[in-house]
N, C-alpha and C. Protein backbone atom coordinates (compact mmCIF):
# COMPACT_ATOMS: atom_id res chain seq x y z
N UNK A 1 23.09 3.78 9.76
CA UNK A 1 22.72 5.51 8.86
C UNK A 1 23.70 6.44 9.09
N UNK A 2 23.92 7.14 7.80
CA UNK A 2 24.86 8.25 7.74
C UNK A 2 24.48 9.48 8.31
N UNK A 3 25.01 10.60 8.83
CA UNK A 3 24.67 11.90 9.42
C UNK A 3 23.55 12.52 8.09
N UNK A 4 24.14 12.56 6.88
CA UNK A 4 23.09 12.65 5.95
C UNK A 4 22.06 12.14 6.12
N UNK A 5 21.88 10.88 5.74
CA UNK A 5 20.40 10.32 5.85
C UNK A 5 19.90 10.56 6.84
N UNK A 6 20.37 11.11 8.17
CA UNK A 6 19.91 11.23 9.34
C UNK A 6 19.06 12.45 9.15
N UNK A 7 20.04 13.45 8.85
CA UNK A 7 19.65 14.88 8.57
C UNK A 7 18.17 14.97 7.65
N UNK A 8 18.65 14.40 6.16
CA UNK A 8 17.34 14.41 5.46
C UNK A 8 16.11 13.97 6.15
N UNK A 9 16.14 12.65 6.81
CA UNK A 9 15.11 12.03 7.46
C UNK A 9 14.36 13.12 8.58
N UNK A 10 15.62 13.75 9.45
CA UNK A 10 14.79 14.79 10.26
C UNK A 10 14.23 15.84 9.40
N UNK A 11 14.45 16.08 7.99
CA UNK A 11 13.79 17.51 7.45
C UNK A 11 12.62 16.77 7.32
N UNK A 12 12.56 15.50 7.07
CA UNK A 12 10.56 15.37 6.64
C UNK A 12 10.32 15.33 7.60
N UNK A 13 10.69 15.03 8.87
CA UNK A 13 10.07 15.07 10.48
C UNK A 13 9.80 16.41 10.67
N UNK A 14 10.72 17.22 10.41
CA UNK A 14 10.40 18.88 10.49
C UNK A 14 9.39 19.08 9.54
N UNK A 15 9.14 18.78 8.49
CA UNK A 15 8.26 19.38 7.69
C UNK A 15 6.79 18.87 8.49
N UNK A 16 6.88 17.58 8.84
CA UNK A 16 5.31 16.66 9.01
C UNK A 16 5.35 17.89 10.51
N UNK A 17 6.15 18.04 11.22
CA UNK A 17 5.79 18.56 12.49
C UNK A 17 5.25 20.44 12.39
N UNK A 18 5.74 20.90 11.35
CA UNK A 18 5.37 22.07 10.75
C UNK A 18 3.70 21.92 10.15
N UNK A 19 3.83 21.02 9.49
CA UNK A 19 2.01 20.89 8.86
C UNK A 19 1.26 20.87 9.97
N UNK A 20 1.95 19.79 10.93
CA UNK A 20 1.01 19.30 12.09
C UNK A 20 0.31 20.92 13.17
N UNK A 21 2.00 21.30 13.43
CA UNK A 21 1.45 22.67 14.08
C UNK A 21 0.33 23.65 12.78
N UNK A 22 0.42 23.72 12.28
CA UNK A 22 -0.39 24.51 10.88
C UNK A 22 -1.86 24.15 11.27
N UNK A 23 -1.99 22.61 11.55
CA UNK A 23 -3.31 22.06 11.32
C UNK A 23 -4.00 22.19 12.79
N UNK A 24 -3.00 22.01 13.66
CA UNK A 24 -3.51 22.41 14.60
C UNK A 24 -4.16 23.86 15.49
N UNK A 25 -3.18 24.60 14.83
CA UNK A 25 -3.38 26.29 14.83
C UNK A 25 -4.79 26.35 14.28
N UNK A 26 -4.94 25.91 13.18
CA UNK A 26 -6.13 26.32 12.24
C UNK A 26 -7.38 25.68 13.20
N UNK A 27 -7.47 24.51 13.65
CA UNK A 27 -8.18 23.98 14.38
C UNK A 27 -8.63 24.47 15.81
N UNK A 28 -7.73 24.87 16.13
CA UNK A 28 -7.66 25.47 17.21
C UNK A 28 -8.41 27.04 17.39
N UNK A 29 -8.15 27.81 16.32
CA UNK A 29 -8.71 29.05 16.29
C UNK A 29 -10.61 28.88 15.91
N UNK A 30 -10.59 27.47 14.87
CA UNK A 30 -11.95 27.54 14.92
C UNK A 30 -12.49 27.18 16.04
N UNK A 31 -11.81 26.38 17.03
CA UNK A 31 -12.85 25.79 18.40
C UNK A 31 -12.77 27.12 18.84
N UNK A 32 -11.90 28.24 19.06
CA UNK A 32 -12.38 29.15 20.15
C UNK A 32 -13.71 30.34 19.39
N UNK A 33 -13.29 30.23 18.10
CA UNK A 33 -14.43 31.01 17.42
C UNK A 33 -15.98 30.22 17.43
N UNK A 34 -15.71 29.12 17.71
CA UNK A 34 -17.06 28.36 17.95
C UNK A 34 -17.77 28.37 19.65
N UNK A 35 -16.70 29.18 20.48
CA UNK A 35 -17.00 28.74 21.89
C UNK A 35 -16.42 27.62 22.72
N UNK A 36 -15.59 26.75 21.92
CA UNK A 36 -15.44 25.46 22.83
C UNK A 36 -14.03 26.26 23.30
N UNK A 37 -13.79 26.92 24.42
CA UNK A 37 -12.48 27.41 25.11
C UNK A 37 -11.66 26.24 25.50
N UNK A 38 -12.56 25.04 26.28
CA UNK A 38 -11.13 23.96 26.58
C UNK A 38 -10.77 23.20 25.67
N UNK A 39 -11.44 23.04 24.37
CA UNK A 39 -10.70 22.53 23.21
C UNK A 39 -10.04 23.29 22.70
N UNK A 40 -10.14 24.91 22.39
CA UNK A 40 -9.29 25.55 22.07
C UNK A 40 -7.78 25.65 23.10
N UNK A 41 -7.94 25.38 24.23
CA UNK A 41 -6.73 25.49 24.98
C UNK A 41 -5.84 24.00 25.03
N UNK A 42 -6.86 23.02 24.34
CA UNK A 42 -6.02 21.45 24.26
C UNK A 42 -5.40 21.69 22.94
N UNK A 43 -6.04 22.30 22.05
CA UNK A 43 -5.43 22.43 21.07
C UNK A 43 -4.05 23.28 20.76
N UNK A 44 -4.32 24.41 21.16
CA UNK A 44 -3.17 25.51 21.47
C UNK A 44 -2.01 24.71 22.12
N UNK A 45 -2.31 23.98 23.30
CA UNK A 45 -1.11 23.71 24.13
C UNK A 45 -0.47 22.35 23.09
N UNK A 46 -1.42 21.65 22.74
CA UNK A 46 -0.55 20.79 21.55
C UNK A 46 0.19 21.04 20.38
N UNK A 47 -0.61 22.22 20.06
CA UNK A 47 0.36 22.94 18.74
C UNK A 47 1.72 23.90 19.47
N UNK A 48 2.12 24.36 20.54
CA UNK A 48 3.07 24.58 20.96
C UNK A 48 3.91 23.61 21.75
N UNK A 49 3.28 22.07 22.28
CA UNK A 49 3.85 21.48 22.23
C UNK A 49 4.79 20.66 20.50
N UNK A 50 4.21 20.69 19.90
CA UNK A 50 4.35 20.06 18.30
C UNK A 50 5.50 21.20 17.93
N UNK A 51 5.49 22.40 18.22
CA UNK A 51 6.49 23.63 17.48
C UNK A 51 8.02 23.23 18.06
N UNK A 52 7.40 22.94 19.73
CA UNK A 52 8.41 22.89 20.49
C UNK A 52 9.40 21.40 20.16
N UNK A 53 9.05 20.57 19.79
CA UNK A 53 9.63 19.34 19.54
C UNK A 53 10.18 19.81 18.10
N UNK A 54 9.20 20.45 17.28
CA UNK A 54 9.74 20.36 15.75
C UNK A 54 11.11 21.41 16.03
N UNK A 55 11.50 22.44 16.83
CA UNK A 55 12.09 23.45 16.87
C UNK A 55 13.63 22.28 17.52
N UNK A 56 13.45 21.76 18.45
CA UNK A 56 14.62 20.80 19.01
C UNK A 56 14.96 19.82 17.80
N UNK A 57 14.16 19.22 17.23
CA UNK A 57 14.13 18.45 16.06
C UNK A 57 15.23 19.23 14.81
N UNK A 58 14.72 20.50 14.61
CA UNK A 58 15.40 21.27 13.77
C UNK A 58 17.15 21.51 14.06
N UNK A 59 17.16 21.73 15.39
CA UNK A 59 18.09 22.55 15.90
C UNK A 59 19.02 21.16 15.62
N UNK A 60 18.56 20.23 16.23
CA UNK A 60 19.63 18.50 15.78
C UNK A 60 19.85 18.30 14.34
N UNK A 61 19.33 18.67 13.40
CA UNK A 61 19.35 18.45 11.96
C UNK A 61 20.61 19.19 11.83
N UNK A 62 20.20 20.66 12.24
CA UNK A 62 21.25 21.89 11.63
C UNK A 62 22.37 21.20 12.53
N UNK A 63 22.70 20.64 13.83
CA UNK A 63 23.85 20.50 14.41
C UNK A 63 24.49 18.89 13.81
N UNK A 64 23.94 18.08 13.46
CA UNK A 64 24.22 17.12 12.53
C UNK A 64 24.94 17.12 11.12
N UNK A 65 24.17 17.99 10.35
CA UNK A 65 24.34 18.30 9.07
C UNK A 65 24.53 19.51 8.55
N UNK A 66 24.42 20.60 9.44
CA UNK A 66 24.46 22.30 8.88
C UNK A 66 22.89 22.54 8.03
N UNK A 67 23.29 23.40 7.38
CA UNK A 67 22.14 23.92 6.51
C UNK A 67 22.11 23.00 5.44
N UNK A 68 21.34 22.82 4.64
CA UNK A 68 20.89 22.76 3.14
C UNK A 68 21.13 23.89 2.23
N UNK A 69 21.92 23.38 1.23
CA UNK A 69 22.05 24.35 0.10
C UNK A 69 21.11 24.24 -0.75
N UNK A 70 20.32 25.21 -0.93
CA UNK A 70 19.35 25.60 -2.25
C UNK A 70 20.21 25.24 -3.53
N UNK A 71 19.28 24.04 -4.01
CA UNK A 71 20.21 23.86 -5.35
C UNK A 71 19.59 24.66 -6.85
N UNK A 72 18.94 25.35 -6.75
CA UNK A 72 18.10 26.04 -7.84
C UNK A 72 19.03 27.47 -8.08
N UNK A 73 18.73 27.48 -9.29
CA UNK A 73 19.30 28.84 -9.84
C UNK A 73 18.33 29.90 -10.32
N UNK A 74 18.31 31.10 -10.86
CA UNK A 74 17.35 31.94 -11.37
C UNK A 74 16.26 32.16 -10.73
N UNK A 75 15.07 32.43 -11.20
CA UNK A 75 13.90 32.87 -10.61
C UNK A 75 13.63 31.57 -9.59
N UNK A 76 13.62 30.63 -9.35
CA UNK A 76 13.17 29.80 -8.50
C UNK A 76 14.03 30.14 -7.18
N UNK A 77 15.48 30.11 -7.32
CA UNK A 77 16.57 30.53 -6.35
C UNK A 77 15.99 31.90 -5.76
N UNK A 78 15.63 32.41 -6.50
CA UNK A 78 15.10 34.19 -5.71
C UNK A 78 13.82 33.75 -4.87
N UNK A 79 13.04 33.14 -5.45
CA UNK A 79 11.58 32.89 -4.56
C UNK A 79 11.75 32.18 -3.34
N UNK A 80 12.76 30.89 -3.44
CA UNK A 80 13.04 30.54 -2.27
C UNK A 80 14.04 31.48 -1.26
N UNK A 81 14.55 32.22 -1.79
CA UNK A 81 15.29 33.32 -0.70
C UNK A 81 14.55 33.94 -0.06
N UNK A 82 13.45 34.56 -0.72
CA UNK A 82 12.42 35.41 -0.62
C UNK A 82 11.70 34.66 0.62
N UNK A 83 11.29 33.49 0.28
CA UNK A 83 10.25 32.62 1.09
C UNK A 83 11.38 32.41 2.27
N UNK A 84 12.23 31.96 2.39
CA UNK A 84 13.17 31.55 3.66
C UNK A 84 13.30 32.75 4.43
N UNK A 85 13.70 33.76 3.85
CA UNK A 85 13.73 35.23 4.50
C UNK A 85 12.78 35.69 5.51
N UNK A 86 11.61 35.52 5.11
CA UNK A 86 10.19 35.60 5.28
C UNK A 86 10.11 34.54 6.74
N UNK A 87 10.31 33.90 6.34
CA UNK A 87 10.16 32.16 7.03
C UNK A 87 11.00 32.22 8.23
N UNK A 88 12.11 32.68 8.13
CA UNK A 88 13.10 32.75 9.35
C UNK A 88 13.03 34.07 10.23
N UNK A 89 12.81 35.11 9.63
CA UNK A 89 12.24 36.47 10.56
C UNK A 89 10.97 35.88 11.02
N UNK A 90 10.32 35.89 10.58
CA UNK A 90 8.94 35.61 11.22
C UNK A 90 8.98 34.09 12.19
N UNK A 91 9.52 33.32 11.94
CA UNK A 91 9.72 32.35 12.78
C UNK A 91 10.11 32.74 14.14
N UNK A 92 11.45 33.37 13.96
CA UNK A 92 12.21 33.96 15.24
C UNK A 92 11.22 34.39 16.20
N UNK A 93 10.46 35.03 15.66
CA UNK A 93 9.22 35.81 16.56
C UNK A 93 7.94 34.96 17.31
N UNK A 94 8.15 33.84 16.60
CA UNK A 94 6.90 33.28 17.00
C UNK A 94 6.95 32.35 18.57
N UNK A 95 8.18 32.11 18.66
CA UNK A 95 8.50 31.36 20.25
C UNK A 95 8.14 32.67 21.59
N UNK A 96 8.33 33.53 21.18
CA UNK A 96 8.54 34.71 22.10
C UNK A 96 6.58 35.53 22.09
N UNK A 97 5.97 35.06 21.04
CA UNK A 97 4.60 35.59 20.66
C UNK A 97 3.70 34.10 21.47
N UNK A 98 4.25 33.57 21.53
CA UNK A 98 3.32 32.10 21.90
C UNK A 98 3.93 32.08 23.49
N UNK A 99 4.84 32.46 24.04
CA UNK A 99 4.98 32.64 25.36
C UNK A 99 4.06 33.22 25.63
N UNK A 100 4.05 34.61 25.58
CA UNK A 100 3.36 35.99 25.94
C UNK A 100 1.98 35.31 25.61
N UNK A 101 1.58 34.89 24.54
CA UNK A 101 -0.01 34.32 24.60
C UNK A 101 -0.35 33.31 25.60
N UNK A 102 0.62 32.42 25.96
CA UNK A 102 0.25 31.53 27.22
C UNK A 102 0.43 32.19 28.42
N UNK A 103 1.12 33.29 28.98
CA UNK A 103 1.19 33.77 29.84
C UNK A 103 -0.06 34.14 30.07
N UNK A 104 -0.91 35.29 29.06
CA UNK A 104 -1.83 35.51 29.13
C UNK A 104 -2.75 34.99 29.36
N UNK A 105 -3.14 33.81 28.63
CA UNK A 105 -4.17 32.95 28.81
C UNK A 105 -4.06 31.99 30.07
N UNK A 106 -2.58 32.27 31.09
CA UNK A 106 -2.66 31.37 32.30
C UNK A 106 -3.33 31.93 33.12
N UNK A 107 -3.10 33.70 33.22
CA UNK A 107 -3.34 34.42 33.75
C UNK A 107 -4.87 34.96 33.54
N UNK A 108 -5.86 34.51 32.49
CA UNK A 108 -6.62 34.72 32.40
C UNK A 108 -6.87 36.14 32.26
N UNK A 109 -5.63 36.62 31.13
CA UNK A 109 -5.89 38.36 30.60
C UNK A 109 -6.36 38.07 29.26
N UNK A 110 -7.84 37.40 28.99
CA UNK A 110 -8.27 37.24 28.01
C UNK A 110 -8.42 38.23 27.04
N UNK A 111 -8.61 39.28 27.22
CA UNK A 111 -8.95 40.57 26.20
C UNK A 111 -7.16 40.54 25.82
N UNK A 112 -6.58 40.90 26.52
CA UNK A 112 -5.15 41.00 25.75
C UNK A 112 -4.71 40.07 25.34
N UNK A 113 -4.91 38.62 25.76
CA UNK A 113 -4.34 37.34 24.87
C UNK A 113 -5.04 37.50 23.34
N UNK A 114 -6.53 37.89 23.31
CA UNK A 114 -7.23 37.86 22.23
C UNK A 114 -6.20 38.72 21.07
N UNK A 115 -6.03 40.02 21.74
CA UNK A 115 -5.36 41.36 20.94
C UNK A 115 -4.16 40.91 20.18
N UNK A 116 -3.22 39.88 20.68
CA UNK A 116 -2.28 39.76 20.57
C UNK A 116 -2.39 38.45 19.37
N UNK A 117 -3.32 37.62 19.75
CA UNK A 117 -3.41 36.44 19.22
C UNK A 117 -3.77 36.92 17.55
N UNK A 118 -4.71 37.88 17.42
CA UNK A 118 -5.27 38.18 16.05
C UNK A 118 -3.87 38.80 15.14
N UNK A 119 -2.41 38.96 15.68
CA UNK A 119 -1.30 39.19 14.75
C UNK A 119 -0.85 38.10 14.87
N UNK A 120 -0.49 37.27 15.78
CA UNK A 120 0.42 35.89 16.34
C UNK A 120 -0.32 34.66 15.19
N UNK A 121 -1.56 34.83 14.96
CA UNK A 121 -2.28 33.44 14.44
C UNK A 121 -1.55 33.68 12.69
N UNK A 122 -1.86 34.75 12.00
CA UNK A 122 -1.50 34.74 10.51
C UNK A 122 0.11 34.80 10.49
N UNK A 123 0.75 35.10 11.46
CA UNK A 123 2.50 34.89 11.68
C UNK A 123 2.27 33.39 12.04
N UNK A 124 2.25 32.98 12.70
CA UNK A 124 2.61 31.34 13.17
C UNK A 124 1.92 30.60 11.87
N UNK A 125 1.02 30.67 11.40
CA UNK A 125 0.35 30.03 9.77
C UNK A 125 1.39 30.36 9.53
N UNK A 126 1.39 31.40 8.63
CA UNK A 126 2.51 31.68 7.81
C UNK A 126 4.00 30.56 8.11
N UNK A 127 4.36 30.51 8.91
CA UNK A 127 5.50 30.19 9.46
C UNK A 127 5.29 28.63 9.38
N UNK A 128 4.10 27.75 9.56
CA UNK A 128 3.88 26.38 9.42
C UNK A 128 4.31 26.17 8.12
N UNK A 129 3.08 26.93 7.28
CA UNK A 129 2.94 26.89 5.87
C UNK A 129 4.26 26.87 4.83
N UNK A 130 4.97 27.84 5.25
CA UNK A 130 6.19 28.07 4.92
C UNK A 130 7.64 27.12 4.89
N UNK A 131 7.18 26.50 6.18
CA UNK A 131 8.34 25.33 6.75
C UNK A 131 7.98 24.46 5.59
N UNK A 132 6.76 24.25 5.56
CA UNK A 132 6.61 22.88 4.26
C UNK A 132 7.17 23.24 2.90
N UNK A 133 6.93 24.51 2.79
CA UNK A 133 7.15 24.95 1.54
C UNK A 133 8.83 25.00 1.22
N UNK A 134 9.38 24.92 2.11
CA UNK A 134 10.86 25.38 1.94
C UNK A 134 11.70 23.87 1.81
N UNK A 135 10.74 22.92 2.79
CA UNK A 135 11.23 21.11 2.70
C UNK A 135 11.14 20.90 1.68
N UNK A 136 9.96 20.96 1.03
CA UNK A 136 9.30 20.85 -0.80
C UNK A 136 10.86 21.16 -1.70
N UNK A 137 10.77 22.77 -1.67
CA UNK A 137 11.56 23.34 -2.52
C UNK A 137 12.96 22.60 -2.39
N UNK A 138 13.48 22.52 -1.32
CA UNK A 138 14.84 21.95 -1.18
C UNK A 138 15.30 20.58 -1.17
N UNK A 139 13.91 19.41 -0.84
CA UNK A 139 14.22 18.08 -1.28
C UNK A 139 13.38 17.63 -2.19
N UNK A 140 12.14 18.43 -2.81
CA UNK A 140 11.53 17.53 -3.87
C UNK A 140 11.38 18.55 -5.11
N UNK A 141 11.88 19.87 -5.30
CA UNK A 141 11.57 20.09 -6.35
C UNK A 141 12.76 20.18 -7.32
N UNK A 142 13.15 20.12 -8.35
CA UNK A 142 13.87 19.74 -9.53
C UNK A 142 14.66 21.32 -9.65
């Protein structure tokens, strides 16, 4: 397998990890809304673990093959750049926010945890969804 093929395969894995993180995030939020604290805890730890595996895989792909050029032009290219810019900007905040949330939960500072989670949840979900969109646009949109 060539580096380019490995990079393409890792891109698919990364999209699947992003999708999985998003799904776990939504289910985890539903669990806490239903009062299932232990289920929420397990799901959110799984979300963090999935996101950590994604980050490792993403950095590996970039190290092997570099960034993937957008093949589009015109309005699709502009749309791609807007999605990518917002995705990357918010994605850089997610690890920091997630660590703060983990620490607050570990220390049982649930009021502070809840307050930050209100903002982190939509950011993290947006990053997960747009990660998949970026993959689809780069690898599957003509």
